[in-house]
Amino acid sequence: MRSPFLKSFLYAFEGIFASARGRNFKVQSAFALLAIALGLGFGIDAASWLAIFVCIGCVLGGECFNTALESVVDLVSPGYHDLAKRAKDCAAGAVLVMSFASVAVAAIIFVPKLFELLA
């Protein structure tokens, strides 16, 4: 029998995999892989790696929260309701804000590297 502690990790991974089946998580994962590839290609420093991985974690973690909230809202409000729509829109908006911030971080890190490459 598995320990409750180990079970909690298994349940958490089930949640990640449930989120990963969504289109947005797949798109965000592709951008995360692109950022990692660019970081490897440009040989970015440790602080830049830290920023990249914090951004990846925030966006993908936010998408997991968004998926969870959407599931709960759909469970308790299967029909249309303005408050259900607002909750789902706000959760999606939070992920969008994190994504925009991540794009800004990526631009700060990679645009100067691209200019160096082109110069």
PDB file of N, CA and C in Angstrom:
ATOM      1  N   MET A   1       0.846  -1.196   0.000  1.00  0.00           N
ATOM      2  CA  MET A   1       0.000   0.000   0.000  1.00  0.00           C
ATOM      3  C   MET A   1       0.883   1.248   0.000  1.00  0.00           C
ATOM      4  N   ARG A   2       0.508   2.214  -0.785  1.00  0.00           N
ATOM      5  CA  ARG A   2       1.280   3.442  -0.871  1.00  0.00           C
ATOM      6  C   ARG A   2       0.980   4.348   0.315  1.00  0.00           C
ATOM      7  N   SER A   3       1.993   5.094   0.707  1.00  0.00           N
ATOM      8  CA  SER A   3       1.818   6.031   1.816  1.00  0.00           C
ATOM      9  C   SER A   3       0.955   7.207   1.365  1.00  0.00           C
ATOM     10  N   PRO A   4       0.247   7.851   2.311  1.00  0.00           N
ATOM     11  CA  PRO A   4      -0.546   9.038   1.948  1.00  0.00           C
ATOM     12  C   PRO A   4       0.309  10.129   1.309  1.00  0.00           C
ATOM     13  N   PHE A   5       1.560  10.247   1.769  1.00  0.00           N
ATOM     14  CA  PHE A   5       2.456  11.255   1.200  1.00  0.00           C
ATOM     15  C   PHE A   5       2.722  10.967  -0.269  1.00  0.00           C
ATOM     16  N   LEU A   6       3.027   9.710  -0.593  1.00  0.00           N
ATOM     17  CA  LEU A   6       3.274   9.333  -1.983  1.00  0.00           C
ATOM     18  C   LEU A   6       2.009   9.497  -2.820  1.00  0.00           C
ATOM     19  N   LYS A   7       0.862   9.130  -2.240  1.00  0.00           N
ATOM     20  CA  LYS A   7      -0.401   9.292  -2.959  1.00  0.00           C
ATOM     21  C   LYS A   7      -0.653  10.749  -3.318  1.00  0.00           C
ATOM     22  N   SER A   8      -0.283  11.662  -2.423  1.00  0.00           N
ATOM     23  CA  SER A   8      -0.509  13.078  -2.712  1.00  0.00           C
ATOM     24  C   SER A   8       0.280  13.519  -3.940  1.00  0.00           C
ATOM     25  N   PHE A   9       1.490  12.978  -4.118  1.00  0.00           N
ATOM     26  CA  PHE A   9       2.263  13.298  -5.317  1.00  0.00           C
ATOM     27  C   PHE A   9       1.606  12.706  -6.562  1.00  0.00           C
ATOM     28  N   LEU A  10       1.106  11.486  -6.436  1.00  0.00           N
ATOM     29  CA  LEU A  10       0.445  10.858  -7.582  1.00  0.00           C
ATOM     30  C   LEU A  10      -0.796  11.649  -7.996  1.00  0.00           C
ATOM     31  N   TYR A  11      -1.568  12.111  -7.020  1.00  0.00           N
ATOM     32  CA  TYR A  11      -2.745  12.921  -7.335  1.00  0.00           C
ATOM     33  C   TYR A  11      -2.338  14.246  -7.986  1.00  0.00           C
ATOM     34  N   ALA A  12      -1.267  14.832  -7.499  1.00  0.00           N
ATOM     35  CA  ALA A  12      -0.791  16.087  -8.085  1.00  0.00           C
ATOM     36  C   ALA A  12      -0.379  15.871  -9.544  1.00  0.00           C
ATOM     37  N   PHE A  13       0.320  14.760  -9.813  1.00  0.00           N
ATOM     38  CA  PHE A  13       0.706  14.479 -11.199  1.00  0.00           C
ATOM     39  C   PHE A  13      -0.520  14.212 -12.063  1.00  0.00           C
ATOM     40  N   GLU A  14      -1.545  13.574 -11.503  1.00  0.00           N
ATOM     41  CA  GLU A  14      -2.788  13.383 -12.260  1.00  0.00           C
ATOM     42  C   GLU A  14      -3.380  14.736 -12.652  1.00  0.00           C
ATOM     43  N   GLY A  15      -3.310  15.702 -11.739  1.00  0.00           N
ATOM     44  CA  GLY A  15      -3.802  17.036 -12.038  1.00  0.00           C
ATOM     45  C   GLY A  15      -2.996  17.715 -13.127  1.00  0.00           C
ATOM     46  N   ILE A  16      -1.689  17.575 -13.071  1.00  0.00           N
ATOM     47  CA  ILE A  16      -0.843  18.159 -14.119  1.00  0.00           C
ATOM     48  C   ILE A  16      -1.169  17.526 -15.466  1.00  0.00           C
ATOM     49  N   PHE A  17      -1.285  16.198 -15.477  1.00  0.00           N
ATOM     50  CA  PHE A  17      -1.589  15.512 -16.739  1.00  0.00           C
ATOM     51  C   PHE A  17      -2.972  15.891 -17.262  1.00  0.00           C
ATOM     52  N   ALA A  18      -3.939  16.103 -16.359  1.00  0.00           N
ATOM     53  CA  ALA A  18      -5.272  16.544 -16.786  1.00  0.00           C
ATOM     54  C   ALA A  18      -5.183  17.923 -17.438  1.00  0.00           C
ATOM     55  N   SER A  19      -4.416  18.821 -16.833  1.00  0.00           N
ATOM     56  CA  SER A  19      -4.231  20.153 -17.412  1.00  0.00           C
ATOM     57  C   SER A  19      -3.486  20.079 -18.733  1.00  0.00           C
ATOM     58  N   ALA A  20      -2.507  19.179 -18.804  1.00  0.00           N
ATOM     59  CA  ALA A  20      -1.663  19.071 -19.998  1.00  0.00           C
ATOM     60  C   ALA A  20      -2.440  18.601 -21.220  1.00  0.00           C
ATOM     61  N   ARG A  21      -3.598  18.018 -21.025  1.00  0.00           N
ATOM     62  CA  ARG A  21      -4.411  17.603 -22.175  1.00  0.00           C
ATOM     63  C   ARG A  21      -5.080  18.796 -22.858  1.00  0.00           C
ATOM     64  N   GLY A  22      -5.100  19.931 -22.198  1.00  0.00           N
ATOM     65  CA  GLY A  22      -5.741  21.112 -22.772  1.00  0.00           C
ATOM     66  C   GLY A  22      -4.872  21.796 -23.814  1.00  0.00           C
ATOM     67  N   ARG A  23      -5.529  22.428 -24.765  1.00  0.00           N
ATOM     68  CA  ARG A  23      -4.830  23.112 -25.864  1.00  0.00           C
ATOM     69  C   ARG A  23      -3.893  24.202 -25.349  1.00  0.00           C
ATOM     70  N   ASN A  24      -4.369  25.019 -24.416  1.00  0.00           N
ATOM     71  CA  ASN A  24      -3.551  26.133 -23.944  1.00  0.00           C
ATOM     72  C   ASN A  24      -2.290  25.644 -23.244  1.00  0.00           C
ATOM     73  N   PHE A  25      -2.395  24.596 -22.452  1.00  0.00           N
ATOM     74  CA  PHE A  25      -1.221  24.051 -21.771  1.00  0.00           C
ATOM     75  C   PHE A  25      -0.207  23.561 -22.802  1.00  0.00           C
ATOM     76  N   LYS A  26      -0.680  22.950 -23.871  1.00  0.00           N
ATOM     77  CA  LYS A  26       0.223  22.462 -24.923  1.00  0.00           C
ATOM     78  C   LYS A  26       0.937  23.623 -25.619  1.00  0.00           C
ATOM     79  N   VAL A  27       0.185  24.687 -25.918  1.00  0.00           N
ATOM     80  CA  VAL A  27       0.795  25.863 -26.556  1.00  0.00           C
ATOM     81  C   VAL A  27       1.825  26.489 -25.621  1.00  0.00           C
ATOM     82  N   GLN A  28       1.461  26.652 -24.351  1.00  0.00           N
ATOM     83  CA  GLN A  28       2.381  27.248 -23.385  1.00  0.00           C
ATOM     84  C   GLN A  28       3.619  26.374 -23.187  1.00  0.00           C
ATOM     85  N   SER A  29       3.435  25.060 -23.225  1.00  0.00           N
ATOM     86  CA  SER A  29       4.579  24.150 -23.111  1.00  0.00           C
ATOM     87  C   SER A  29       5.512  24.284 -24.308  1.00  0.00           C
ATOM     88  N   ALA A  30       4.938  24.487 -25.489  1.00  0.00           N
ATOM     89  CA  ALA A  30       5.762  24.677 -26.684  1.00  0.00           C
ATOM     90  C   ALA A  30       6.594  25.947 -26.558  1.00  0.00           C
ATOM     91  N   PHE A  31       5.999  27.022 -26.048  1.00  0.00           N
ATOM     92  CA  PHE A  31       6.765  28.253 -25.837  1.00  0.00           C
ATOM     93  C   PHE A  31       7.827  28.066 -24.750  1.00  0.00           C
ATOM     94  N   ALA A  32       7.511  27.267 -23.739  1.00  0.00           N
ATOM     95  CA  ALA A  32       8.500  26.980 -22.703  1.00  0.00           C
ATOM     96  C   ALA A  32       9.701  26.250 -23.303  1.00  0.00           C
ATOM     97  N   LEU A  33       9.429  25.273 -24.153  1.00  0.00           N
ATOM     98  CA  LEU A  33      10.525  24.548 -24.813  1.00  0.00           C
ATOM     99  C   LEU A  33      11.328  25.463 -25.727  1.00  0.00           C
ATOM    100  N   LEU A  34      10.642  26.386 -26.405  1.00  0.00           N
ATOM    101  CA  LEU A  34      11.340  27.358 -27.242  1.00  0.00           C
ATOM    102  C   LEU A  34      12.264  28.228 -26.396  1.00  0.00           C
ATOM    103  N   ALA A  35      11.769  28.688 -25.245  1.00  0.00           N
ATOM    104  CA  ALA A  35      12.596  29.520 -24.363  1.00  0.00           C
ATOM    105  C   ALA A  35      13.811  28.741 -23.863  1.00  0.00           C
ATOM    106  N   ILE A  36      13.606  27.476 -23.530  1.00  0.00           N
ATOM    107  CA  ILE A  36      14.727  26.642 -23.077  1.00  0.00           C
ATOM    108  C   ILE A  36      15.732  26.445 -24.208  1.00  0.00           C
ATOM    109  N   ALA A  37      15.231  26.186 -25.412  1.00  0.00           N
ATOM    110  CA  ALA A  37      16.129  26.015 -26.561  1.00  0.00           C
ATOM    111  C   ALA A  37      16.913  27.293 -26.844  1.00  0.00           C
ATOM    112  N   LEU A  38      16.239  28.434 -26.782  1.00  0.00           N
ATOM    113  CA  LEU A  38      16.940  29.705 -26.991  1.00  0.00           C
ATOM    114  C   LEU A  38      17.978  29.936 -25.892  1.00  0.00           C
ATOM    115  N   GLY A  39      17.609  29.617 -24.662  1.00  0.00           N
ATOM    116  CA  GLY A  39      18.555  29.771 -23.556  1.00  0.00           C
ATOM    117  C   GLY A  39      19.788  28.916 -23.744  1.00  0.00           C
ATOM    118  N   LEU A  40      19.590  27.681 -24.192  1.00  0.00           N
ATOM    119  CA  LEU A  40      20.734  26.801 -24.459  1.00  0.00           C
ATOM    120  C   LEU A  40      21.554  27.327 -25.635  1.00  0.00           C
ATOM    121  N   GLY A  41      20.852  27.770 -26.681  1.00  0.00           N
ATOM    122  CA  GLY A  41      21.543  28.274 -27.868  1.00  0.00           C
ATOM    123  C   GLY A  41      22.355  29.527 -27.603  1.00  0.00           C
ATOM    124  N   PHE A  42      21.837  30.406 -26.775  1.00  0.00           N
ATOM    125  CA  PHE A  42      22.531  31.656 -26.483  1.00  0.00           C
ATOM    126  C   PHE A  42      23.442  31.562 -25.259  1.00  0.00           C
ATOM    127  N   GLY A  43      23.389  30.471 -24.551  1.00  0.00           N
ATOM    128  CA  GLY A  43      24.239  30.321 -23.371  1.00  0.00           C
ATOM    129  C   GLY A  43      23.946  31.370 -22.307  1.00  0.00           C
ATOM    130  N   ILE A  44      22.684  31.544 -21.963  1.00  0.00           N
ATOM    131  CA  ILE A  44      22.304  32.585 -20.997  1.00  0.00           C
ATOM    132  C   ILE A  44      22.863  32.288 -19.608  1.00  0.00           C
ATOM    133  N   ASP A  45      22.955  33.334 -18.799  1.00  0.00           N
ATOM    134  CA  ASP A  45      23.540  33.197 -17.458  1.00  0.00           C
ATOM    135  C   ASP A  45      22.520  32.625 -16.462  1.00  0.00           C
ATOM    136  N   ALA A  46      22.993  32.354 -15.248  1.00  0.00           N
ATOM    137  CA  ALA A  46      22.168  31.714 -14.228  1.00  0.00           C
ATOM    138  C   ALA A  46      20.948  32.554 -13.859  1.00  0.00           C
ATOM    139  N   ALA A  47      21.114  33.868 -13.747  1.00  0.00           N
ATOM    140  CA  ALA A  47      19.979  34.727 -13.397  1.00  0.00           C
ATOM    141  C   ALA A  47      18.901  34.673 -14.481  1.00  0.00           C
ATOM    142  N   SER A  48      19.321  34.624 -15.725  1.00  0.00           N
ATOM    143  CA  SER A  48      18.352  34.531 -16.824  1.00  0.00           C
ATOM    144  C   SER A  48      17.636  33.188 -16.803  1.00  0.00           C
ATOM    145  N   TRP A  49      18.379  32.116 -16.521  1.00  0.00           N
ATOM    146  CA  TRP A  49      17.743  30.797 -16.386  1.00  0.00           C
ATOM    147  C   TRP A  49      16.713  30.804 -15.273  1.00  0.00           C
ATOM    148  N   LEU A  50      17.067  31.431 -14.165  1.00  0.00           N
ATOM    149  CA  LEU A  50      16.132  31.523 -13.043  1.00  0.00           C
ATOM    150  C   LEU A  50      14.850  32.229 -13.477  1.00  0.00           C
ATOM    151  N   ALA A  51      14.991  33.342 -14.161  1.00  0.00           N
ATOM    152  CA  ALA A  51      13.817  34.093 -14.632  1.00  0.00           C
ATOM    153  C   ALA A  51      12.974  33.253 -15.587  1.00  0.00           C
ATOM    154  N   ILE A  52      13.638  32.555 -16.500  1.00  0.00           N
ATOM    155  CA  ILE A  52      12.919  31.717 -17.472  1.00  0.00           C
ATOM    156  C   ILE A  52      12.139  30.620 -16.757  1.00  0.00           C
ATOM    157  N   PHE A  53      12.776  29.919 -15.818  1.00  0.00           N
ATOM    158  CA  PHE A  53      12.095  28.811 -15.150  1.00  0.00           C
ATOM    159  C   PHE A  53      11.005  29.289 -14.199  1.00  0.00           C
ATOM    160  N   VAL A  54      11.177  30.440 -13.583  1.00  0.00           N
ATOM    161  CA  VAL A  54      10.097  31.005 -12.751  1.00  0.00           C
ATOM    162  C   VAL A  54       8.905  31.348 -13.640  1.00  0.00           C
ATOM    163  N   CYS A  55       9.169  31.937 -14.790  1.00  0.00           N
ATOM    164  CA  CYS A  55       8.075  32.269 -15.712  1.00  0.00           C
ATOM    165  C   CYS A  55       7.363  31.010 -16.201  1.00  0.00           C
ATOM    166  N   ILE A  56       8.122  30.001 -16.576  1.00  0.00           N
ATOM    167  CA  ILE A  56       7.519  28.746 -17.037  1.00  0.00           C
ATOM    168  C   ILE A  56       6.655  28.153 -15.928  1.00  0.00           C
ATOM    169  N   GLY A  57       7.187  28.111 -14.718  1.00  0.00           N
ATOM    170  CA  GLY A  57       6.431  27.562 -13.603  1.00  0.00           C
ATOM    171  C   GLY A  57       5.163  28.346 -13.310  1.00  0.00           C
ATOM    172  N   CYS A  58       5.257  29.662 -13.377  1.00  0.00           N
ATOM    173  CA  CYS A  58       4.078  30.501 -13.121  1.00  0.00           C
ATOM    174  C   CYS A  58       3.001  30.307 -14.177  1.00  0.00           C
ATOM    175  N   VAL A  59       3.388  30.289 -15.435  1.00  0.00           N
ATOM    176  CA  VAL A  59       2.399  30.156 -16.506  1.00  0.00           C
ATOM    177  C   VAL A  59       1.762  28.768 -16.483  1.00  0.00           C
ATOM    178  N   LEU A  60       2.568  27.724 -16.396  1.00  0.00           N
ATOM    179  CA  LEU A  60       2.001  26.370 -16.400  1.00  0.00           C
ATOM    180  C   LEU A  60       1.242  26.089 -15.104  1.00  0.00           C
ATOM    181  N   GLY A  61       1.753  26.574 -13.980  1.00  0.00           N
ATOM    182  CA  GLY A  61       1.020  26.440 -12.728  1.00  0.00           C
ATOM    183  C   GLY A  61      -0.291  27.205 -12.767  1.00  0.00           C
ATOM    184  N   GLY A  62      -0.259  28.401 -13.347  1.00  0.00           N
ATOM    185  CA  GLY A  62      -1.486  29.177 -13.506  1.00  0.00           C
ATOM    186  C   GLY A  62      -2.496  28.458 -14.377  1.00  0.00           C
ATOM    187  N   GLU A  63      -2.022  27.797 -15.405  1.00  0.00           N
ATOM    188  CA  GLU A  63      -2.930  27.039 -16.274  1.00  0.00           C
ATOM    189  C   GLU A  63      -3.548  25.862 -15.509  1.00  0.00           C
ATOM    190  N   CYS A  64      -2.775  25.247 -14.619  1.00  0.00           N
ATOM    191  CA  CYS A  64      -3.347  24.179 -13.781  1.00  0.00           C
ATOM    192  C   CYS A  64      -4.452  24.741 -12.882  1.00  0.00           C
ATOM    193  N   PHE A  65      -4.211  25.899 -12.259  1.00  0.00           N
ATOM    194  CA  PHE A  65      -5.253  26.542 -11.453  1.00  0.00           C
ATOM    195  C   PHE A  65      -6.469  26.882 -12.312  1.00  0.00           C
ATOM    196  N   ASN A  66      -6.232  27.395 -13.503  1.00  0.00           N
ATOM    197  CA  ASN A  66      -7.322  27.744 -14.406  1.00  0.00           C
ATOM    198  C   ASN A  66      -8.155  26.509 -14.738  1.00  0.00           C
ATOM    199  N   THR A  67      -7.499  25.412 -15.053  1.00  0.00           N
ATOM    200  CA  THR A  67      -8.207  24.174 -15.367  1.00  0.00           C
ATOM    201  C   THR A  67      -9.021  23.696 -14.174  1.00  0.00           C
ATOM    202  N   ALA A  68      -8.428  23.772 -12.981  1.00  0.00           N
ATOM    203  CA  ALA A  68      -9.137  23.352 -11.773  1.00  0.00           C
ATOM    204  C   ALA A  68     -10.364  24.218 -11.541  1.00  0.00           C
ATOM    205  N   LEU A  69     -10.200  25.532 -11.663  1.00  0.00           N
ATOM    206  CA  LEU A  69     -11.325  26.434 -11.435  1.00  0.00           C
ATOM    207  C   LEU A  69     -12.430  26.194 -12.458  1.00  0.00           C
ATOM    208  N   GLU A  70     -12.057  26.016 -13.714  1.00  0.00           N
ATOM    209  CA  GLU A  70     -13.065  25.758 -14.738  1.00  0.00           C
ATOM    210  C   GLU A  70     -13.822  24.472 -14.455  1.00  0.00           C
ATOM    211  N   SER A  71     -13.126  23.450 -13.975  1.00  0.00           N
ATOM    212  CA  SER A  71     -13.784  22.183 -13.649  1.00  0.00           C
ATOM    213  C   SER A  71     -14.779  22.352 -12.509  1.00  0.00           C
ATOM    214  N   VAL A  72     -14.378  23.071 -11.475  1.00  0.00           N
ATOM    215  CA  VAL A  72     -15.271  23.291 -10.335  1.00  0.00           C
ATOM    216  C   VAL A  72     -16.473  24.126 -10.751  1.00  0.00           C
ATOM    217  N   VAL A  73     -16.239  25.176 -11.520  1.00  0.00           N
ATOM    218  CA  VAL A  73     -17.346  26.022 -11.969  1.00  0.00           C
ATOM    219  C   VAL A  73     -18.318  25.209 -12.825  1.00  0.00           C
ATOM    220  N   ASP A  74     -17.802  24.383 -13.719  1.00  0.00           N
ATOM    221  CA  ASP A  74     -18.676  23.554 -14.552  1.00  0.00           C
ATOM    222  C   ASP A  74     -19.475  22.560 -13.705  1.00  0.00           C
ATOM    223  N   LEU A  75     -18.876  22.077 -12.626  1.00  0.00           N
ATOM    224  CA  LEU A  75     -19.560  21.137 -11.747  1.00  0.00           C
ATOM    225  C   LEU A  75     -20.713  21.801 -11.006  1.00  0.00           C
ATOM    226  N   VAL A  76     -20.457  22.968 -10.434  1.00  0.00           N
ATOM    227  CA  VAL A  76     -21.474  23.617  -9.595  1.00  0.00           C
ATOM    228  C   VAL A  76     -22.440  24.481 -10.403  1.00  0.00           C
ATOM    229  N   SER A  77     -22.074  24.828 -11.616  1.00  0.00           N
ATOM    230  CA  SER A  77     -22.938  25.671 -12.444  1.00  0.00           C
ATOM    231  C   SER A  77     -22.939  25.141 -13.875  1.00  0.00           C
ATOM    232  N   PRO A  78     -23.616  23.999 -14.099  1.00  0.00           N
ATOM    233  CA  PRO A  78     -23.571  23.406 -15.453  1.00  0.00           C
ATOM    234  C   PRO A  78     -24.244  24.283 -16.517  1.00  0.00           C
ATOM    235  N   GLY A  79     -25.204  25.093 -16.109  1.00  0.00           N
ATOM    236  CA  GLY A  79     -25.837  26.014 -17.046  1.00  0.00           C
ATOM    237  C   GLY A  79     -25.095  27.337 -17.060  1.00  0.00           C
ATOM    238  N   TYR A  80     -25.499  28.209 -17.969  1.00  0.00           N
ATOM    239  CA  TYR A  80     -24.848  29.514 -18.060  1.00  0.00           C
ATOM    240  C   TYR A  80     -25.244  30.374 -16.874  1.00  0.00           C
ATOM    241  N   HIS A  81     -24.260  31.033 -16.306  1.00  0.00           N
ATOM    242  CA  HIS A  81     -24.504  32.028 -15.264  1.00  0.00           C
ATOM    243  C   HIS A  81     -23.427  33.095 -15.395  1.00  0.00           C
ATOM    244  N   ASP A  82     -23.830  34.362 -15.253  1.00  0.00           N
ATOM    245  CA  ASP A  82     -22.875  35.469 -15.397  1.00  0.00           C
ATOM    246  C   ASP A  82     -21.699  35.350 -14.429  1.00  0.00           C
ATOM    247  N   LEU A  83     -21.956  34.933 -13.186  1.00  0.00           N
ATOM    248  CA  LEU A  83     -20.866  34.805 -12.215  1.00  0.00           C
ATOM    249  C   LEU A  83     -19.924  33.651 -12.567  1.00  0.00           C
ATOM    250  N   ALA A  84     -20.470  32.581 -13.108  1.00  0.00           N
ATOM    251  CA  ALA A  84     -19.624  31.465 -13.549  1.00  0.00           C
ATOM    252  C   ALA A  84     -18.721  31.931 -14.691  1.00  0.00           C
ATOM    253  N   LYS A  85     -19.303  32.682 -15.623  1.00  0.00           N
ATOM    254  CA  LYS A  85     -18.507  33.220 -16.735  1.00  0.00           C
ATOM    255  C   LYS A  85     -17.416  34.140 -16.213  1.00  0.00           C
ATOM    256  N   ARG A  86     -17.761  35.006 -15.254  1.00  0.00           N
ATOM    257  CA  ARG A  86     -16.778  35.933 -14.708  1.00  0.00           C
ATOM    258  C   ARG A  86     -15.628  35.177 -14.035  1.00  0.00           C
ATOM    259  N   ALA A  87     -15.948  34.160 -13.267  1.00  0.00           N
ATOM    260  CA  ALA A  87     -14.903  33.385 -12.592  1.00  0.00           C
ATOM    261  C   ALA A  87     -13.964  32.738 -13.602  1.00  0.00           C
ATOM    262  N   LYS A  88     -14.538  32.136 -14.633  1.00  0.00           N
ATOM    263  CA  LYS A  88     -13.709  31.480 -15.642  1.00  0.00           C
ATOM    264  C   LYS A  88     -12.889  32.495 -16.441  1.00  0.00           C
ATOM    265  N   ASP A  89     -13.498  33.632 -16.768  1.00  0.00           N
ATOM    266  CA  ASP A  89     -12.783  34.678 -17.508  1.00  0.00           C
ATOM    267  C   ASP A  89     -11.639  35.260 -16.677  1.00  0.00           C
ATOM    268  N   CYS A  90     -11.883  35.460 -15.386  1.00  0.00           N
ATOM    269  CA  CYS A  90     -10.825  36.002 -14.519  1.00  0.00           C
ATOM    270  C   CYS A  90      -9.656  35.031 -14.403  1.00  0.00           C
ATOM    271  N   ALA A  91      -9.944  33.741 -14.269  1.00  0.00           N
ATOM    272  CA  ALA A  91      -8.871  32.748 -14.180  1.00  0.00           C
ATOM    273  C   ALA A  91      -8.070  32.712 -15.484  1.00  0.00           C
ATOM    274  N   ALA A  92      -8.762  32.747 -16.607  1.00  0.00           N
ATOM    275  CA  ALA A  92      -8.063  32.768 -17.899  1.00  0.00           C
ATOM    276  C   ALA A  92      -7.272  34.064 -18.045  1.00  0.00           C
ATOM    277  N   GLY A  93      -7.832  35.160 -17.575  1.00  0.00           N
ATOM    278  CA  GLY A  93      -7.126  36.440 -17.624  1.00  0.00           C
ATOM    279  C   GLY A  93      -5.862  36.424 -16.784  1.00  0.00           C
ATOM    280  N   ALA A  94      -5.905  35.748 -15.650  1.00  0.00           N
ATOM    281  CA  ALA A  94      -4.710  35.650 -14.804  1.00  0.00           C
ATOM    282  C   ALA A  94      -3.580  34.938 -15.541  1.00  0.00           C
ATOM    283  N   VAL A  95      -3.920  33.877 -16.257  1.00  0.00           N
ATOM    284  CA  VAL A  95      -2.896  33.161 -17.034  1.00  0.00           C
ATOM    285  C   VAL A  95      -2.379  34.053 -18.154  1.00  0.00           C
ATOM    286  N   LEU A  96      -3.258  34.834 -18.763  1.00  0.00           N
ATOM    287  CA  LEU A  96      -2.837  35.744 -19.828  1.00  0.00           C
ATOM    288  C   LEU A  96      -1.884  36.806 -19.288  1.00  0.00           C
ATOM    289  N   VAL A  97      -2.166  37.342 -18.106  1.00  0.00           N
ATOM    290  CA  VAL A  97      -1.267  38.328 -17.488  1.00  0.00           C
ATOM    291  C   VAL A  97       0.102  37.698 -17.253  1.00  0.00           C
ATOM    292  N   MET A  98       0.113  36.471 -16.724  1.00  0.00           N
ATOM    293  CA  MET A  98       1.397  35.783 -16.499  1.00  0.00           C
ATOM    294  C   MET A  98       2.124  35.538 -17.821  1.00  0.00           C
ATOM    295  N   SER A  99       1.376  35.227 -18.851  1.00  0.00           N
ATOM    296  CA  SER A  99       1.989  34.992 -20.161  1.00  0.00           C
ATOM    297  C   SER A  99       2.600  36.268 -20.721  1.00  0.00           C
ATOM    298  N   PHE A 100       1.880  37.395 -20.597  1.00  0.00           N
ATOM    299  CA  PHE A 100       2.428  38.672 -21.060  1.00  0.00           C
ATOM    300  C   PHE A 100       3.703  39.033 -20.287  1.00  0.00           C
ATOM    301  N   ALA A 101       3.691  38.818 -18.985  1.00  0.00           N
ATOM    302  CA  ALA A 101       4.888  39.093 -18.181  1.00  0.00           C
ATOM    303  C   ALA A 101       6.038  38.202 -18.622  1.00  0.00           C
ATOM    304  N   SER A 102       5.740  36.961 -18.947  1.00  0.00           N
ATOM    305  CA  SER A 102       6.779  36.031 -19.407  1.00  0.00           C
ATOM    306  C   SER A 102       7.353  36.444 -20.749  1.00  0.00           C
ATOM    307  N   VAL A 103       6.498  36.950 -21.625  1.00  0.00           N
ATOM    308  CA  VAL A 103       6.988  37.447 -22.917  1.00  0.00           C
ATOM    309  C   VAL A 103       7.907  38.643 -22.687  1.00  0.00           C
ATOM    310  N   ALA A 104       7.557  39.504 -21.744  1.00  0.00           N
ATOM    311  CA  ALA A 104       8.417  40.657 -21.439  1.00  0.00           C
ATOM    312  C   ALA A 104       9.773  40.187 -20.913  1.00  0.00           C
ATOM    313  N   VAL A 105       9.768  39.192 -20.028  1.00  0.00           N
ATOM    314  CA  VAL A 105      11.029  38.647 -19.507  1.00  0.00           C
ATOM    315  C   VAL A 105      11.845  38.047 -20.649  1.00  0.00           C
ATOM    316  N   ALA A 106      11.178  37.285 -21.509  1.00  0.00           N
ATOM    317  CA  ALA A 106      11.888  36.682 -22.646  1.00  0.00           C
ATOM    318  C   ALA A 106      12.480  37.756 -23.554  1.00  0.00           C
ATOM    319  N   ALA A 107      11.739  38.821 -23.781  1.00  0.00           N
ATOM    320  CA  ALA A 107      12.253  39.909 -24.625  1.00  0.00           C
ATOM    321  C   ALA A 107      13.479  40.554 -23.996  1.00  0.00           C
ATOM    322  N   ILE A 108      13.433  40.780 -22.697  1.00  0.00           N
ATOM    323  CA  ILE A 108      14.578  41.389 -22.008  1.00  0.00           C
ATOM    324  C   ILE A 108      15.809  40.497 -22.108  1.00  0.00           C
ATOM    325  N   ILE A 109      15.590  39.192 -22.040  1.00  0.00           N
ATOM    326  CA  ILE A 109      16.721  38.258 -22.085  1.00  0.00           C
ATOM    327  C   ILE A 109      17.208  38.025 -23.512  1.00  0.00           C
ATOM    328  N   PHE A 110      16.278  37.804 -24.445  1.00  0.00           N
ATOM    329  CA  PHE A 110      16.676  37.313 -25.763  1.00  0.00           C
ATOM    330  C   PHE A 110      16.847  38.386 -26.845  1.00  0.00           C
ATOM    331  N   VAL A 111      16.164  39.499 -26.765  1.00  0.00           N
ATOM    332  CA  VAL A 111      16.299  40.519 -27.814  1.00  0.00           C
ATOM    333  C   VAL A 111      17.737  41.038 -27.906  1.00  0.00           C
ATOM    334  N   PRO A 112      18.388  41.379 -26.779  1.00  0.00           N
ATOM    335  CA  PRO A 112      19.797  41.801 -26.908  1.00  0.00           C
ATOM    336  C   PRO A 112      20.691  40.705 -27.509  1.00  0.00           C
ATOM    337  N   LYS A 113      20.409  39.462 -27.177  1.00  0.00           N
ATOM    338  CA  LYS A 113      21.192  38.348 -27.739  1.00  0.00           C
ATOM    339  C   LYS A 113      20.981  38.250 -29.246  1.00  0.00           C
ATOM    340  N   LEU A 114      19.738  38.477 -29.689  1.00  0.00           N
ATOM    341  CA  LEU A 114      19.455  38.453 -31.125  1.00  0.00           C
ATOM    342  C   LEU A 114      20.150  39.584 -31.857  1.00  0.00           C
ATOM    343  N   PHE A 115      20.173  40.777 -31.225  1.00  0.00           N
ATOM    344  CA  PHE A 115      20.874  41.911 -31.843  1.00  0.00           C
ATOM    345  C   PHE A 115      22.371  41.639 -31.940  1.00  0.00           C
ATOM    346  N   GLU A 116      22.940  41.024 -30.905  1.00  0.00           N
ATOM    347  CA  GLU A 116      24.362  40.657 -30.938  1.00  0.00           C
ATOM    348  C   GLU A 116      24.635  39.689 -32.079  1.00  0.00           C
ATOM    349  N   LEU A 117      23.734  38.748 -32.259  1.00  0.00           N
ATOM    350  CA  LEU A 117      23.895  37.752 -33.303  1.00  0.00           C
ATOM    351  C   LEU A 117      23.820  38.381 -34.700  1.00  0.00           C
ATOM    352  N   LEU A 118      22.929  39.348 -34.853  1.00  0.00           N
ATOM    353  CA  LEU A 118      22.739  39.987 -36.151  1.00  0.00           C
ATOM    354  C   LEU A 118      23.795  41.060 -36.448  1.00  0.00           C
ATOM    355  N   ALA A 119      24.467  41.542 -35.410  1.00  0.00           N
ATOM    356  CA  ALA A 119      25.456  42.622 -35.601  1.00  0.00           C
ATOM    357  C   ALA A 119      26.757  42.110 -36.173  1.00  0.00           C
TER     358      ALA A 119
END
